[in-house]
């Protein structure tokens, strides 16, 4: 059960990175460019992951101990699908989030996309 819960927790935390200021924003090196298409996809995935995070955290909080592993597995699959449905691999998504933590320009572009009104 621990591996499933750890994977689920790690995915949940990746959506919350905007709440934590970057540790080494001033010590960044030149970063690779991320296309607008990839940033759009990452922002859309972040929104979906955030919504799933709320849903599955609530389910886990109220679930019987015997159901927690099943719910965590279901959550892991839903999170992966939320990312891949946007045309990104989980590795690409994670890399973009990592880059955004350390690159203010990328972070600002993502934040702008997240603040756009829904179409």
C-alpha atoms as a PDB file:
ATOM      1  CA  UNK A   1       0.000   0.000   0.000  1.00  0.00           C
ATOM      2  CA  UNK A   2       2.812   2.440   0.743  1.00  0.00           C
ATOM      3  CA  UNK A   3       4.074   2.601  -2.854  1.00  0.00           C
ATOM      4  CA  UNK A   4       0.642   3.458  -4.211  1.00  0.00           C
ATOM      5  CA  UNK A   5       0.041   6.047  -1.532  1.00  0.00           C
ATOM      6  CA  UNK A   6       3.518   7.553  -2.072  1.00  0.00           C
ATOM      7  CA  UNK A   7       2.975   7.826  -5.821  1.00  0.00           C
ATOM      8  CA  UNK A   8      -0.399   9.429  -5.275  1.00  0.00           C
ATOM      9  CA  UNK A   9       1.004  11.870  -2.721  1.00  0.00           C
ATOM     10  CA  UNK A  10       3.865  12.865  -5.015  1.00  0.00           C
ATOM     11  CA  UNK A  11       1.469  13.557  -7.860  1.00  0.00           C
ATOM     12  CA  UNK A  12      -0.772  15.572  -5.586  1.00  0.00           C
ATOM     13  CA  UNK A  13       2.114  17.710  -4.417  1.00  0.00           C
ATOM     14  CA  UNK A  14       3.198  18.481  -7.956  1.00  0.00           C
ATOM     15  CA  UNK A  15       0.011  20.448  -8.491  1.00  0.00           C
ATOM     16  CA  UNK A  16       0.643  22.581  -5.434  1.00  0.00           C
ATOM     17  CA  UNK A  17       4.107  23.824  -6.412  1.00  0.00           C
ATOM     18  CA  UNK A  18       2.780  27.331  -7.169  1.00  0.00           C
ATOM     19  CA  UNK A  19       2.080  27.836  -3.476  1.00  0.00           C
ATOM     20  CA  UNK A  20       5.741  27.468  -2.529  1.00  0.00           C
ATOM     21  CA  UNK A  21       8.270  30.083  -3.643  1.00  0.00           C
ATOM     22  CA  UNK A  22      11.303  28.661  -5.430  1.00  0.00           C
ATOM     23  CA  UNK A  23      14.315  28.066  -3.231  1.00  0.00           C
ATOM     24  CA  UNK A  24      17.013  29.154  -5.677  1.00  0.00           C
ATOM     25  CA  UNK A  25      15.315  31.561  -8.062  1.00  0.00           C
ATOM     26  CA  UNK A  26      18.412  33.769  -8.194  1.00  0.00           C
ATOM     27  CA  UNK A  27      20.824  30.887  -8.798  1.00  0.00           C
ATOM     28  CA  UNK A  28      19.288  29.585 -11.983  1.00  0.00           C
ATOM     29  CA  UNK A  29      21.198  28.682 -15.086  1.00  0.00           C
ATOM     30  CA  UNK A  30      19.989  29.171 -18.615  1.00  0.00           C
ATOM     31  CA  UNK A  31      17.028  26.896 -19.126  1.00  0.00           C
ATOM     32  CA  UNK A  32      15.768  25.177 -22.233  1.00  0.00           C
ATOM     33  CA  UNK A  33      12.845  26.837 -23.984  1.00  0.00           C
ATOM     34  CA  UNK A  34       9.402  25.346 -23.547  1.00  0.00           C
ATOM     35  CA  UNK A  35       6.970  25.857 -26.402  1.00  0.00           C
ATOM     36  CA  UNK A  36       3.728  27.726 -25.883  1.00  0.00           C
ATOM     37  CA  UNK A  37       1.887  24.550 -26.846  1.00  0.00           C
ATOM     38  CA  UNK A  38       3.617  22.604 -24.066  1.00  0.00           C
ATOM     39  CA  UNK A  39       2.950  25.403 -21.572  1.00  0.00           C
ATOM     40  CA  UNK A  40      -0.723  25.457 -22.571  1.00  0.00           C
ATOM     41  CA  UNK A  41      -0.894  21.694 -22.107  1.00  0.00           C
ATOM     42  CA  UNK A  42       0.905  21.840 -18.746  1.00  0.00           C
ATOM     43  CA  UNK A  43      -1.430  24.566 -17.481  1.00  0.00           C
ATOM     44  CA  UNK A  44      -4.499  22.601 -18.565  1.00  0.00           C
ATOM     45  CA  UNK A  45      -3.093  19.479 -16.920  1.00  0.00           C
ATOM     46  CA  UNK A  46      -2.372  21.417 -13.720  1.00  0.00           C
ATOM     47  CA  UNK A  47      -5.981  22.542 -13.525  1.00  0.00           C
ATOM     48  CA  UNK A  48      -7.236  18.988 -14.003  1.00  0.00           C
ATOM     49  CA  UNK A  49      -4.715  17.598 -11.520  1.00  0.00           C
ATOM     50  CA  UNK A  50      -5.763  20.229  -8.980  1.00  0.00           C
ATOM     51  CA  UNK A  51      -9.413  19.243  -9.306  1.00  0.00           C
ATOM     52  CA  UNK A  52      -8.550  15.555  -9.025  1.00  0.00           C
ATOM     53  CA  UNK A  53      -6.392  16.305  -6.008  1.00  0.00           C
ATOM     54  CA  UNK A  54      -9.368  17.719  -4.128  1.00  0.00           C
ATOM     55  CA  UNK A  55     -11.611  14.843  -5.104  1.00  0.00           C
ATOM     56  CA  UNK A  56      -9.216  12.058  -4.170  1.00  0.00           C
ATOM     57  CA  UNK A  57      -7.993  13.710  -0.980  1.00  0.00           C
ATOM     58  CA  UNK A  58     -11.601  13.894   0.187  1.00  0.00           C
ATOM     59  CA  UNK A  59     -12.176  10.264  -0.749  1.00  0.00           C
ATOM     60  CA  UNK A  60      -9.011   9.145   1.029  1.00  0.00           C
ATOM     61  CA  UNK A  61      -9.856  11.165   4.124  1.00  0.00           C
ATOM     62  CA  UNK A  62     -13.212   9.451   4.522  1.00  0.00           C
ATOM     63  CA  UNK A  63     -12.326   5.994   3.209  1.00  0.00           C
ATOM     64  CA  UNK A  64     -12.092   2.872   5.277  1.00  0.00           C
ATOM     65  CA  UNK A  65      -8.482   1.689   5.663  1.00  0.00           C
ATOM     66  CA  UNK A  66      -9.194  -1.313   3.444  1.00  0.00           C
ATOM     67  CA  UNK A  67     -10.275   0.998   0.584  1.00  0.00           C
ATOM     68  CA  UNK A  68      -7.372   3.452   0.674  1.00  0.00           C
ATOM     69  CA  UNK A  69      -5.048   1.485  -1.597  1.00  0.00           C
ATOM     70  CA  UNK A  70      -7.761   1.048  -4.226  1.00  0.00           C
ATOM     71  CA  UNK A  71      -8.608   4.749  -4.102  1.00  0.00           C
ATOM     72  CA  UNK A  72      -4.922   5.716  -4.333  1.00  0.00           C
ATOM     73  CA  UNK A  73      -4.456   3.427  -7.352  1.00  0.00           C
ATOM     74  CA  UNK A  74      -7.546   4.915  -8.970  1.00  0.00           C
ATOM     75  CA  UNK A  75      -6.213   8.401  -8.208  1.00  0.00           C
ATOM     76  CA  UNK A  76      -2.819   7.592  -9.738  1.00  0.00           C
ATOM     77  CA  UNK A  77      -4.480   6.420 -12.952  1.00  0.00           C
ATOM     78  CA  UNK A  78      -6.737   9.488 -13.073  1.00  0.00           C
ATOM     79  CA  UNK A  79      -3.785  11.834 -12.554  1.00  0.00           C
ATOM     80  CA  UNK A  80      -1.756  10.163 -15.279  1.00  0.00           C
ATOM     81  CA  UNK A  81      -4.721  10.367 -17.642  1.00  0.00           C
ATOM     82  CA  UNK A  82      -5.242  14.049 -16.786  1.00  0.00           C
ATOM     83  CA  UNK A  83      -1.691  14.723 -17.950  1.00  0.00           C
ATOM     84  CA  UNK A  84      -1.588  12.419 -20.969  1.00  0.00           C
ATOM     85  CA  UNK A  85      -4.973  13.669 -22.201  1.00  0.00           C
ATOM     86  CA  UNK A  86      -3.251  17.035 -22.665  1.00  0.00           C
ATOM     87  CA  UNK A  87      -0.644  15.491 -24.966  1.00  0.00           C
ATOM     88  CA  UNK A  88       2.156  15.379 -22.402  1.00  0.00           C
ATOM     89  CA  UNK A  89       3.945  12.443 -20.882  1.00  0.00           C
ATOM     90  CA  UNK A  90       4.158  12.411 -17.101  1.00  0.00           C
ATOM     91  CA  UNK A  91       7.913  13.024 -17.432  1.00  0.00           C
ATOM     92  CA  UNK A  92       7.341  16.071 -19.664  1.00  0.00           C
ATOM     93  CA  UNK A  93       4.764  17.444 -17.240  1.00  0.00           C
ATOM     94  CA  UNK A  94       7.073  16.946 -14.264  1.00  0.00           C
ATOM     95  CA  UNK A  95       9.991  18.515 -16.141  1.00  0.00           C
ATOM     96  CA  UNK A  96       7.923  21.594 -17.001  1.00  0.00           C
ATOM     97  CA  UNK A  97       6.844  21.973 -13.365  1.00  0.00           C
ATOM     98  CA  UNK A  98      10.445  21.565 -12.186  1.00  0.00           C
ATOM     99  CA  UNK A  99      11.602  24.132 -14.729  1.00  0.00           C
ATOM    100  CA  UNK A 100       8.865  26.551 -13.656  1.00  0.00           C
ATOM    101  CA  UNK A 101       9.997  26.283 -10.034  1.00  0.00           C
ATOM    102  CA  UNK A 102      13.460  27.480 -10.995  1.00  0.00           C
ATOM    103  CA  UNK A 103      12.773  29.783 -13.942  1.00  0.00           C
ATOM    104  CA  UNK A 104      10.666  32.879 -13.192  1.00  0.00           C
ATOM    105  CA  UNK A 105       9.892  33.439 -16.891  1.00  0.00           C
ATOM    106  CA  UNK A 106       8.441  29.947 -17.309  1.00  0.00           C
ATOM    107  CA  UNK A 107       6.629  30.221 -13.980  1.00  0.00           C
ATOM    108  CA  UNK A 108       5.065  33.540 -15.023  1.00  0.00           C
ATOM    109  CA  UNK A 109       3.909  32.081 -18.344  1.00  0.00           C
ATOM    110  CA  UNK A 110       2.257  29.171 -16.546  1.00  0.00           C
ATOM    111  CA  UNK A 111       0.605  31.457 -14.018  1.00  0.00           C
ATOM    112  CA  UNK A 112      -0.762  33.641 -16.825  1.00  0.00           C
ATOM    113  CA  UNK A 113      -2.292  30.580 -18.465  1.00  0.00           C
ATOM    114  CA  UNK A 114      -3.820  29.436 -15.188  1.00  0.00           C
ATOM    115  CA  UNK A 115      -5.390  32.840 -14.596  1.00  0.00           C
ATOM    116  CA  UNK A 116      -7.089  33.036 -17.997  1.00  0.00           C
ATOM    117  CA  UNK A 117     -10.867  32.886 -17.837  1.00  0.00           C
ATOM    118  CA  UNK A 118     -12.354  29.586 -18.984  1.00  0.00           C
ATOM    119  CA  UNK A 119     -13.439  29.539 -22.620  1.00  0.00           C
END
